[in-house]
Amino acid sequence: MKCLIFIEEIEIGEANLEVIDETMGAIGGILVPFPAYQKFQHLVQDQCELKGVSNITDFNYKISTGDKLDLYPIGGIGITDMKGIDEIYIECARLNLNKIKTFK
């Protein structure tokens, strides 16, 4: 499912998210960054280099579905953007079962 990705209220990209682990309520996919992501990219990459992922404790990441449904995963949202690698990955965990089924 195509979703918009935010930091606070700033749209930083979009991703086609799919179930990666149903038992953990986890979805993930490749983040296609918008120009606004460039303002945050060096910080995200520094956080990834330090601890492997930039997560919701670093930025107030938000995911919104195409029908404007905001997701609130209990396990948080993380972005992996490593320097020198072109692919940016976003994932979240512990979505409730009703929401995870919409991504199948």
PDB file of N, CA and C in Angstrom:
ATOM      1  N   MET A   1       0.851  -1.174   0.000  1.00  0.00           N
ATOM      2  CA  MET A   1       0.000   0.000   0.000  1.00  0.00           C
ATOM      3  C   MET A   1       0.896   1.237   0.000  1.00  0.00           C
ATOM      4  N   LYS A   2       0.589   2.156  -0.880  1.00  0.00           N
ATOM      5  CA  LYS A   2       1.369   3.388  -0.954  1.00  0.00           C
ATOM      6  C   LYS A   2       1.022   4.285   0.234  1.00  0.00           C
ATOM      7  N   CYS A   3       2.043   4.759   0.914  1.00  0.00           N
ATOM      8  CA  CYS A   3       1.866   5.601   2.102  1.00  0.00           C
ATOM      9  C   CYS A   3       2.775   6.822   2.015  1.00  0.00           C
ATOM     10  N   LEU A   4       2.360   7.888   2.673  1.00  0.00           N
ATOM     11  CA  LEU A   4       3.185   9.081   2.804  1.00  0.00           C
ATOM     12  C   LEU A   4       3.930   9.011   4.133  1.00  0.00           C
ATOM     13  N   ILE A   5       5.159   9.491   4.119  1.00  0.00           N
ATOM     14  CA  ILE A   5       6.003   9.470   5.307  1.00  0.00           C
ATOM     15  C   ILE A   5       6.294  10.910   5.710  1.00  0.00           C
ATOM     16  N   PHE A   6       6.183  11.167   7.003  1.00  0.00           N
ATOM     17  CA  PHE A   6       6.342  12.522   7.542  1.00  0.00           C
ATOM     18  C   PHE A   6       7.363  12.541   8.679  1.00  0.00           C
ATOM     19  N   ILE A   7       7.976  13.709   8.862  1.00  0.00           N
ATOM     20  CA  ILE A   7       8.629  14.086  10.117  1.00  0.00           C
ATOM     21  C   ILE A   7       7.820  15.281  10.592  1.00  0.00           C
ATOM     22  N   GLU A   8       7.189  15.109  11.738  1.00  0.00           N
ATOM     23  CA  GLU A   8       6.189  16.089  12.202  1.00  0.00           C
ATOM     24  C   GLU A   8       5.138  16.236  11.114  1.00  0.00           C
ATOM     25  N   GLU A   9       4.981  17.428  10.541  1.00  0.00           N
ATOM     26  CA  GLU A   9       3.988  17.650   9.486  1.00  0.00           C
ATOM     27  C   GLU A   9       4.632  17.828   8.112  1.00  0.00           C
ATOM     28  N   ILE A  10       5.932  17.546   8.021  1.00  0.00           N
ATOM     29  CA  ILE A  10       6.674  17.714   6.770  1.00  0.00           C
ATOM     30  C   ILE A  10       6.701  16.391   6.011  1.00  0.00           C
ATOM     31  N   GLU A  11       6.169  16.375   4.792  1.00  0.00           N
ATOM     32  CA  GLU A  11       6.208  15.180   3.954  1.00  0.00           C
ATOM     33  C   GLU A  11       7.635  14.968   3.468  1.00  0.00           C
ATOM     34  N   ILE A  12       8.228  13.854   3.886  1.00  0.00           N
ATOM     35  CA  ILE A  12       9.611  13.594   3.484  1.00  0.00           C
ATOM     36  C   ILE A  12       9.725  12.528   2.404  1.00  0.00           C
ATOM     37  N   GLY A  13       8.625  11.820   2.120  1.00  0.00           N
ATOM     38  CA  GLY A  13       8.697  10.799   1.082  1.00  0.00           C
ATOM     39  C   GLY A  13       7.468   9.927   1.050  1.00  0.00           C
ATOM     40  N   GLU A  14       7.559   8.910   0.209  1.00  0.00           N
ATOM     41  CA  GLU A  14       6.480   7.936   0.120  1.00  0.00           C
ATOM     42  C   GLU A  14       7.104   6.553   0.030  1.00  0.00           C
ATOM     43  N   ALA A  15       6.305   5.548   0.373  1.00  0.00           N
ATOM     44  CA  ALA A  15       6.782   4.175   0.323  1.00  0.00           C
ATOM     45  C   ALA A  15       5.621   3.249   0.034  1.00  0.00           C
ATOM     46  N   ASN A  16       5.896   2.204  -0.726  1.00  0.00           N
ATOM     47  CA  ASN A  16       4.919   1.158  -0.944  1.00  0.00           C
ATOM     48  C   ASN A  16       5.168   0.106   0.138  1.00  0.00           C
ATOM     49  N   LEU A  17       4.391   0.168   1.210  1.00  0.00           N
ATOM     50  CA  LEU A  17       4.624  -0.696   2.371  1.00  0.00           C
ATOM     51  C   LEU A  17       3.848  -1.996   2.252  1.00  0.00           C
ATOM     52  N   GLU A  18       4.496  -3.070   2.706  1.00  0.00           N
ATOM     53  CA  GLU A  18       3.870  -4.382   2.693  1.00  0.00           C
ATOM     54  C   GLU A  18       4.216  -5.115   3.984  1.00  0.00           C
ATOM     55  N   VAL A  19       3.462  -6.152   4.271  1.00  0.00           N
ATOM     56  CA  VAL A  19       3.683  -6.942   5.479  1.00  0.00           C
ATOM     57  C   VAL A  19       5.023  -7.658   5.352  1.00  0.00           C
ATOM     58  N   ILE A  20       5.879  -7.477   6.370  1.00  0.00           N
ATOM     59  CA  ILE A  20       7.156  -8.199   6.393  1.00  0.00           C
ATOM     60  C   ILE A  20       7.189  -9.245   7.494  1.00  0.00           C
ATOM     61  N   ASP A  21       6.336  -9.094   8.514  1.00  0.00           N
ATOM     62  CA  ASP A  21       6.190 -10.093   9.570  1.00  0.00           C
ATOM     63  C   ASP A  21       4.824  -9.901  10.219  1.00  0.00           C
ATOM     64  N   GLU A  22       3.863 -10.730   9.814  1.00  0.00           N
ATOM     65  CA  GLU A  22       2.502 -10.566  10.306  1.00  0.00           C
ATOM     66  C   GLU A  22       2.401 -10.782  11.808  1.00  0.00           C
ATOM     67  N   THR A  23       3.118 -11.752  12.337  1.00  0.00           N
ATOM     68  CA  THR A  23       3.018 -12.041  13.772  1.00  0.00           C
ATOM     69  C   THR A  23       3.517 -10.882  14.633  1.00  0.00           C
ATOM     70  N   MET A  24       4.420 -10.083  14.092  1.00  0.00           N
ATOM     71  CA  MET A  24       4.918  -8.919  14.829  1.00  0.00           C
ATOM     72  C   MET A  24       4.194  -7.635  14.417  1.00  0.00           C
ATOM     73  N   GLY A  25       3.236  -7.743  13.513  1.00  0.00           N
ATOM     74  CA  GLY A  25       2.529  -6.554  13.035  1.00  0.00           C
ATOM     75  C   GLY A  25       3.468  -5.597  12.330  1.00  0.00           C
ATOM     76  N   ALA A  26       4.404  -6.153  11.558  1.00  0.00           N
ATOM     77  CA  ALA A  26       5.448  -5.334  10.941  1.00  0.00           C
ATOM     78  C   ALA A  26       5.210  -5.142   9.444  1.00  0.00           C
ATOM     79  N   ILE A  27       5.387  -3.902   9.000  1.00  0.00           N
ATOM     80  CA  ILE A  27       5.349  -3.565   7.590  1.00  0.00           C
ATOM     81  C   ILE A  27       6.627  -2.813   7.242  1.00  0.00           C
ATOM     82  N   GLY A  28       6.990  -2.850   5.979  1.00  0.00           N
ATOM     83  CA  GLY A  28       8.190  -2.138   5.570  1.00  0.00           C
ATOM     84  C   GLY A  28       8.250  -1.979   4.070  1.00  0.00           C
ATOM     85  N   GLY A  29       9.186  -1.155   3.630  1.00  0.00           N
ATOM     86  CA  GLY A  29       9.380  -0.948   2.202  1.00  0.00           C
ATOM     87  C   GLY A  29      10.421   0.121   1.933  1.00  0.00           C
ATOM     88  N   ILE A  30      10.663   0.340   0.656  1.00  0.00           N
ATOM     89  CA  ILE A  30      11.655   1.320   0.216  1.00  0.00           C
ATOM     90  C   ILE A  30      11.048   2.724   0.269  1.00  0.00           C
ATOM     91  N   LEU A  31      11.751   3.629   0.916  1.00  0.00           N
ATOM     92  CA  LEU A  31      11.343   5.028   0.996  1.00  0.00           C
ATOM     93  C   LEU A  31      11.856   5.765  -0.242  1.00  0.00           C
ATOM     94  N   VAL A  32      10.932   6.402  -0.935  1.00  0.00           N
ATOM     95  CA  VAL A  32      11.290   7.267  -2.066  1.00  0.00           C
ATOM     96  C   VAL A  32      11.233   8.694  -1.522  1.00  0.00           C
ATOM     97  N   PRO A  33      12.398   9.315  -1.331  1.00  0.00           N
ATOM     98  CA  PRO A  33      12.417  10.619  -0.660  1.00  0.00           C
ATOM     99  C   PRO A  33      11.901  11.757  -1.535  1.00  0.00           C
ATOM    100  N   PHE A  34      11.255  12.706  -0.882  1.00  0.00           N
ATOM    101  CA  PHE A  34      10.877  13.973  -1.501  1.00  0.00           C
ATOM    102  C   PHE A  34      12.014  14.962  -1.222  1.00  0.00           C
ATOM    103  N   PRO A  35      12.067  16.098  -1.927  1.00  0.00           N
ATOM    104  CA  PRO A  35      13.137  17.075  -1.689  1.00  0.00           C
ATOM    105  C   PRO A  35      13.274  17.488  -0.212  1.00  0.00           C
ATOM    106  N   ALA A  36      12.193  17.527   0.543  1.00  0.00           N
ATOM    107  CA  ALA A  36      12.259  17.933   1.953  1.00  0.00           C
ATOM    108  C   ALA A  36      13.114  16.983   2.792  1.00  0.00           C
ATOM    109  N   TYR A  37      13.269  15.740   2.337  1.00  0.00           N
ATOM    110  CA  TYR A  37      14.072  14.765   3.095  1.00  0.00           C
ATOM    111  C   TYR A  37      15.530  15.199   3.186  1.00  0.00           C
ATOM    112  N   GLN A  38      16.005  15.922   2.191  1.00  0.00           N
ATOM    113  CA  GLN A  38      17.405  16.340   2.171  1.00  0.00           C
ATOM    114  C   GLN A  38      17.787  17.152   3.404  1.00  0.00           C
ATOM    115  N   LYS A  39      16.822  17.887   3.985  1.00  0.00           N
ATOM    116  CA  LYS A  39      17.110  18.679   5.192  1.00  0.00           C
ATOM    117  C   LYS A  39      17.447  17.785   6.379  1.00  0.00           C
ATOM    118  N   PHE A  40      16.957  16.548   6.361  1.00  0.00           N
ATOM    119  CA  PHE A  40      17.117  15.641   7.493  1.00  0.00           C
ATOM    120  C   PHE A  40      18.092  14.502   7.217  1.00  0.00           C
ATOM    121  N   GLN A  41      18.433  14.288   5.948  1.00  0.00           N
ATOM    122  CA  GLN A  41      19.170  13.093   5.568  1.00  0.00           C
ATOM    123  C   GLN A  41      20.482  12.926   6.318  1.00  0.00           C
ATOM    124  N   HIS A  42      21.261  13.972   6.466  1.00  0.00           N
ATOM    125  CA  HIS A  42      22.552  13.814   7.146  1.00  0.00           C
ATOM    126  C   HIS A  42      22.355  13.411   8.612  1.00  0.00           C
ATOM    127  N   LEU A  43      21.306  13.903   9.262  1.00  0.00           N
ATOM    128  CA  LEU A  43      21.026  13.518  10.649  1.00  0.00           C
ATOM    129  C   LEU A  43      20.568  12.067  10.721  1.00  0.00           C
ATOM    130  N   VAL A  44      19.688  11.668   9.798  1.00  0.00           N
ATOM    131  CA  VAL A  44      19.213  10.279   9.752  1.00  0.00           C
ATOM    132  C   VAL A  44      20.392   9.343   9.528  1.00  0.00           C
ATOM    133  N   GLN A  45      21.263   9.680   8.586  1.00  0.00           N
ATOM    134  CA  GLN A  45      22.424   8.841   8.310  1.00  0.00           C
ATOM    135  C   GLN A  45      23.367   8.759   9.503  1.00  0.00           C
ATOM    136  N   ASP A  46      23.569   9.871  10.211  1.00  0.00           N
ATOM    137  CA  ASP A  46      24.406   9.850  11.419  1.00  0.00           C
ATOM    138  C   ASP A  46      23.805   8.934  12.479  1.00  0.00           C
ATOM    139  N   GLN A  47      22.481   8.992  12.655  1.00  0.00           N
ATOM    140  CA  GLN A  47      21.806   8.137  13.634  1.00  0.00           C
ATOM    141  C   GLN A  47      21.928   6.669  13.232  1.00  0.00           C
ATOM    142  N   CYS A  48      21.795   6.386  11.934  1.00  0.00           N
ATOM    143  CA  CYS A  48      21.936   5.013  11.446  1.00  0.00           C
ATOM    144  C   CYS A  48      23.355   4.495  11.653  1.00  0.00           C
ATOM    145  N   GLU A  49      24.320   5.350  11.417  1.00  0.00           N
ATOM    146  CA  GLU A  49      25.707   4.954  11.610  1.00  0.00           C
ATOM    147  C   GLU A  49      25.985   4.661  13.087  1.00  0.00           C
ATOM    148  N   LEU A  50      25.392   5.441  13.961  1.00  0.00           N
ATOM    149  CA  LEU A  50      25.607   5.283  15.399  1.00  0.00           C
ATOM    150  C   LEU A  50      24.902   4.063  15.971  1.00  0.00           C
ATOM    151  N   LYS A  51      23.650   3.828  15.563  1.00  0.00           N
ATOM    152  CA  LYS A  51      22.877   2.758  16.203  1.00  0.00           C
ATOM    153  C   LYS A  51      22.134   1.832  15.259  1.00  0.00           C
ATOM    154  N   GLY A  52      22.360   1.970  13.939  1.00  0.00           N
ATOM    155  CA  GLY A  52      21.768   1.055  12.980  1.00  0.00           C
ATOM    156  C   GLY A  52      20.446   1.488  12.390  1.00  0.00           C
ATOM    157  N   VAL A  53      19.742   2.410  13.033  1.00  0.00           N
ATOM    158  CA  VAL A  53      18.443   2.868  12.554  1.00  0.00           C
ATOM    159  C   VAL A  53      18.141   4.234  13.167  1.00  0.00           C
ATOM    160  N   SER A  54      17.429   5.056  12.427  1.00  0.00           N
ATOM    161  CA  SER A  54      16.895   6.300  12.977  1.00  0.00           C
ATOM    162  C   SER A  54      15.447   5.996  13.321  1.00  0.00           C
ATOM    163  N   ASN A  55      15.068   6.193  14.567  1.00  0.00           N
ATOM    164  CA  ASN A  55      13.720   5.785  14.944  1.00  0.00           C
ATOM    165  C   ASN A  55      12.906   6.931  15.512  1.00  0.00           C
ATOM    166  N   ILE A  56      11.742   6.586  15.981  1.00  0.00           N
ATOM    167  CA  ILE A  56      10.760   7.575  16.417  1.00  0.00           C
ATOM    168  C   ILE A  56      11.238   8.377  17.637  1.00  0.00           C
ATOM    169  N   THR A  57      12.257   7.895  18.323  1.00  0.00           N
ATOM    170  CA  THR A  57      12.814   8.689  19.425  1.00  0.00           C
ATOM    171  C   THR A  57      13.755   9.775  18.897  1.00  0.00           C
ATOM    172  N   ASP A  58      14.199   9.638  17.643  1.00  0.00           N
ATOM    173  CA  ASP A  58      15.060  10.642  17.028  1.00  0.00           C
ATOM    174  C   ASP A  58      14.246  11.733  16.334  1.00  0.00           C
ATOM    175  N   PHE A  59      13.213  11.309  15.629  1.00  0.00           N
ATOM    176  CA  PHE A  59      12.302  12.210  14.931  1.00  0.00           C
ATOM    177  C   PHE A  59      10.886  11.716  15.140  1.00  0.00           C
ATOM    178  N   ASN A  60       9.937  12.603  15.046  1.00  0.00           N
ATOM    179  CA  ASN A  60       8.532  12.216  15.165  1.00  0.00           C
ATOM    180  C   ASN A  60       8.044  11.742  13.797  1.00  0.00           C
ATOM    181  N   TYR A  61       8.456  10.526  13.434  1.00  0.00           N
ATOM    182  CA  TYR A  61       8.044   9.952  12.164  1.00  0.00           C
ATOM    183  C   TYR A  61       6.558   9.624  12.206  1.00  0.00           C
ATOM    184  N   LYS A  62       5.903   9.807  11.050  1.00  0.00           N
ATOM    185  CA  LYS A  62       4.494   9.455  10.913  1.00  0.00           C
ATOM    186  C   LYS A  62       4.298   8.779   9.571  1.00  0.00           C
ATOM    187  N   ILE A  63       3.328   7.858   9.527  1.00  0.00           N
ATOM    188  CA  ILE A  63       2.957   7.187   8.288  1.00  0.00           C
ATOM    189  C   ILE A  63       1.464   7.402   8.082  1.00  0.00           C
ATOM    190  N   SER A  64       1.106   7.804   6.872  1.00  0.00           N
ATOM    191  CA  SER A  64      -0.294   8.008   6.539  1.00  0.00           C
ATOM    192  C   SER A  64      -0.616   7.210   5.276  1.00  0.00           C
ATOM    193  N   THR A  65      -1.704   6.459   5.301  1.00  0.00           N
ATOM    194  CA  THR A  65      -2.094   5.671   4.138  1.00  0.00           C
ATOM    195  C   THR A  65      -2.730   6.571   3.086  1.00  0.00           C
ATOM    196  N   GLY A  66      -2.966   6.013   1.924  1.00  0.00           N
ATOM    197  CA  GLY A  66      -3.578   6.765   0.832  1.00  0.00           C
ATOM    198  C   GLY A  66      -4.945   7.334   1.166  1.00  0.00           C
ATOM    199  N   ASP A  67      -5.667   6.672   2.078  1.00  0.00           N
ATOM    200  CA  ASP A  67      -6.980   7.191   2.476  1.00  0.00           C
ATOM    201  C   ASP A  67      -6.887   8.044   3.740  1.00  0.00           C
ATOM    202  N   LYS A  68      -5.692   8.594   3.961  1.00  0.00           N
ATOM    203  CA  LYS A  68      -5.440   9.553   5.053  1.00  0.00           C
ATOM    204  C   LYS A  68      -5.598   8.957   6.454  1.00  0.00           C
ATOM    205  N   LEU A  69      -5.394   7.636   6.573  1.00  0.00           N
ATOM    206  CA  LEU A  69      -5.426   6.979   7.874  1.00  0.00           C
ATOM    207  C   LEU A  69      -4.013   7.011   8.445  1.00  0.00           C
ATOM    208  N   ASP A  70      -3.834   7.651   9.585  1.00  0.00           N
ATOM    209  CA  ASP A  70      -2.520   7.684  10.225  1.00  0.00           C
ATOM    210  C   ASP A  70      -2.310   6.394  11.002  1.00  0.00           C
ATOM    211  N   LEU A  71      -1.097   5.839  10.891  1.00  0.00           N
ATOM    212  CA  LEU A  71      -0.761   4.615  11.600  1.00  0.00           C
ATOM    213  C   LEU A  71      -0.025   4.957  12.882  1.00  0.00           C
ATOM    214  N   TYR A  72      -0.344   4.237  13.930  1.00  0.00           N
ATOM    215  CA  TYR A  72       0.310   4.453  15.227  1.00  0.00           C
ATOM    216  C   TYR A  72       0.856   3.125  15.725  1.00  0.00           C
ATOM    217  N   PRO A  73       1.953   2.656  15.145  1.00  0.00           N
ATOM    218  CA  PRO A  73       2.502   1.377  15.564  1.00  0.00           C
ATOM    219  C   PRO A  73       3.115   1.474  16.962  1.00  0.00           C
ATOM    220  N   ILE A  74       2.735   0.554  17.816  1.00  0.00           N
ATOM    221  CA  ILE A  74       3.233   0.550  19.197  1.00  0.00           C
ATOM    222  C   ILE A  74       4.750   0.368  19.220  1.00  0.00           C
ATOM    223  N   GLY A  75       5.268  -0.405  18.270  1.00  0.00           N
ATOM    224  CA  GLY A  75       6.708  -0.672  18.217  1.00  0.00           C
ATOM    225  C   GLY A  75       7.518   0.427  17.576  1.00  0.00           C
ATOM    226  N   GLY A  76       6.857   1.460  17.070  1.00  0.00           N
ATOM    227  CA  GLY A  76       7.569   2.598  16.507  1.00  0.00           C
ATOM    228  C   GLY A  76       7.826   2.484  15.014  1.00  0.00           C
ATOM    229  N   ILE A  77       8.489   3.496  14.506  1.00  0.00           N
ATOM    230  CA  ILE A  77       8.819   3.614  13.085  1.00  0.00           C
ATOM    231  C   ILE A  77      10.316   3.857  12.981  1.00  0.00           C
ATOM    232  N   GLY A  78      10.957   3.166  12.057  1.00  0.00           N
ATOM    233  CA  GLY A  78      12.387   3.346  11.869  1.00  0.00           C
ATOM    234  C   GLY A  78      12.751   3.525  10.406  1.00  0.00           C
ATOM    235  N   ILE A  79      13.764   4.324  10.167  1.00  0.00           N
ATOM    236  CA  ILE A  79      14.292   4.526   8.815  1.00  0.00           C
ATOM    237  C   ILE A  79      15.771   4.162   8.829  1.00  0.00           C
ATOM    238  N   THR A  80      16.158   3.353   7.831  1.00  0.00           N
ATOM    239  CA  THR A  80      17.559   2.981   7.661  1.00  0.00           C
ATOM    240  C   THR A  80      18.062   3.615   6.373  1.00  0.00           C
ATOM    241  N   ASP A  81      19.001   4.531   6.523  1.00  0.00           N
ATOM    242  CA  ASP A  81      19.607   5.253   5.399  1.00  0.00           C
ATOM    243  C   ASP A  81      21.103   5.333   5.678  1.00  0.00           C
ATOM    244  N   MET A  82      21.830   4.388   5.126  1.00  0.00           N
ATOM    245  CA  MET A  82      23.270   4.315   5.373  1.00  0.00           C
ATOM    246  C   MET A  82      24.028   5.083   4.290  1.00  0.00           C
ATOM    247  N   LYS A  83      25.052   5.809   4.704  1.00  0.00           N
ATOM    248  CA  LYS A  83      25.890   6.545   3.759  1.00  0.00           C
ATOM    249  C   LYS A  83      26.491   5.571   2.748  1.00  0.00           C
ATOM    250  N   GLY A  84      26.468   5.977   1.473  1.00  0.00           N
ATOM    251  CA  GLY A  84      27.049   5.154   0.424  1.00  0.00           C
ATOM    252  C   GLY A  84      26.112   4.106  -0.155  1.00  0.00           C
ATOM    253  N   ILE A  85      24.919   3.958   0.409  1.00  0.00           N
ATOM    254  CA  ILE A  85      23.925   3.009  -0.101  1.00  0.00           C
ATOM    255  C   ILE A  85      22.721   3.817  -0.566  1.00  0.00           C
ATOM    256  N   ASP A  86      22.306   3.593  -1.793  1.00  0.00           N
ATOM    257  CA  ASP A  86      21.238   4.402  -2.383  1.00  0.00           C
ATOM    258  C   ASP A  86      19.850   4.062  -1.859  1.00  0.00           C
ATOM    259  N   GLU A  87      19.662   2.887  -1.309  1.00  0.00           N
ATOM    260  CA  GLU A  87      18.339   2.451  -0.866  1.00  0.00           C
ATOM    261  C   GLU A  87      18.056   2.933   0.561  1.00  0.00           C
ATOM    262  N   ILE A  88      16.873   3.506   0.753  1.00  0.00           N
ATOM    263  CA  ILE A  88      16.422   3.958   2.073  1.00  0.00           C
ATOM    264  C   ILE A  88      15.237   3.080   2.457  1.00  0.00           C
ATOM    265  N   TYR A  89      15.290   2.470   3.629  1.00  0.00           N
ATOM    266  CA  TYR A  89      14.258   1.526   4.050  1.00  0.00           C
ATOM    267  C   TYR A  89      13.498   2.067   5.252  1.00  0.00           C
ATOM    268  N   ILE A  90      12.174   1.915   5.221  1.00  0.00           N
ATOM    269  CA  ILE A  90      11.342   2.303   6.356  1.00  0.00           C
ATOM    270  C   ILE A  90      10.578   1.087   6.818  1.00  0.00           C
ATOM    271  N   GLU A  91      10.413   0.971   8.129  1.00  0.00           N
ATOM    272  CA  GLU A  91       9.656  -0.134   8.698  1.00  0.00           C
ATOM    273  C   GLU A  91       8.991   0.311   9.995  1.00  0.00           C
ATOM    274  N   CYS A  92       7.946  -0.390  10.343  1.00  0.00           N
ATOM    275  CA  CYS A  92       7.314  -0.166  11.636  1.00  0.00           C
ATOM    276  C   CYS A  92       6.815  -1.497  12.155  1.00  0.00           C
ATOM    277  N   ALA A  93       6.596  -1.579  13.456  1.00  0.00           N
ATOM    278  CA  ALA A  93       6.199  -2.841  14.077  1.00  0.00           C
ATOM    279  C   ALA A  93       5.094  -2.630  15.093  1.00  0.00           C
ATOM    280  N   ARG A  94       4.397  -3.722  15.322  1.00  0.00           N
ATOM    281  CA  ARG A  94       3.325  -3.811  16.308  1.00  0.00           C
ATOM    282  C   ARG A  94       2.116  -2.963  15.929  1.00  0.00           C
ATOM    283  N   LEU A  95       1.745  -3.045  14.639  1.00  0.00           N
ATOM    284  CA  LEU A  95       0.455  -2.502  14.221  1.00  0.00           C
ATOM    285  C   LEU A  95      -0.616  -3.471  14.700  1.00  0.00           C
ATOM    286  N   ASN A  96      -1.815  -2.980  14.981  1.00  0.00           N
ATOM    287  CA  ASN A  96      -2.849  -3.923  15.395  1.00  0.00           C
ATOM    288  C   ASN A  96      -3.273  -4.772  14.198  1.00  0.00           C
ATOM    289  N   LEU A  97      -3.856  -5.928  14.474  1.00  0.00           N
ATOM    290  CA  LEU A  97      -4.175  -6.900  13.432  1.00  0.00           C
ATOM    291  C   LEU A  97      -5.137  -6.367  12.383  1.00  0.00           C
ATOM    292  N   ASN A  98      -6.079  -5.527  12.766  1.00  0.00           N
ATOM    293  CA  ASN A  98      -7.004  -4.967  11.785  1.00  0.00           C
ATOM    294  C   ASN A  98      -6.272  -4.111  10.760  1.00  0.00           C
ATOM    295  N   LYS A  99      -5.310  -3.327  11.208  1.00  0.00           N
ATOM    296  CA  LYS A  99      -4.562  -2.470  10.285  1.00  0.00           C
ATOM    297  C   LYS A  99      -3.591  -3.285   9.442  1.00  0.00           C
ATOM    298  N   ILE A 100      -2.970  -4.304  10.043  1.00  0.00           N
ATOM    299  CA  ILE A 100      -1.984  -5.099   9.278  1.00  0.00           C
ATOM    300  C   ILE A 100      -2.673  -5.811   8.120  1.00  0.00           C
ATOM    301  N   LYS A 101      -3.937  -6.194   8.290  1.00  0.00           N
ATOM    302  CA  LYS A 101      -4.658  -6.894   7.224  1.00  0.00           C
ATOM    303  C   LYS A 101      -4.879  -6.009   6.004  1.00  0.00           C
ATOM    304  N   THR A 102      -4.924  -4.694   6.182  1.00  0.00           N
ATOM    305  CA  THR A 102      -5.113  -3.797   5.037  1.00  0.00           C
ATOM    306  C   THR A 102      -3.870  -3.748   4.135  1.00  0.00           C
ATOM    307  N   PHE A 103      -2.740  -4.256   4.620  1.00  0.00           N
ATOM    308  CA  PHE A 103      -1.501  -4.232   3.855  1.00  0.00           C
ATOM    309  C   PHE A 103      -1.247  -5.555   3.113  1.00  0.00           C
ATOM    310  N   LYS A 104      -2.146  -6.521   3.256  1.00  0.00           N
ATOM    311  CA  LYS A 104      -1.985  -7.818   2.576  1.00  0.00           C
ATOM    312  C   LYS A 104      -2.447  -7.746   1.147  1.00  0.00           C
TER     313      LYS A 104
END
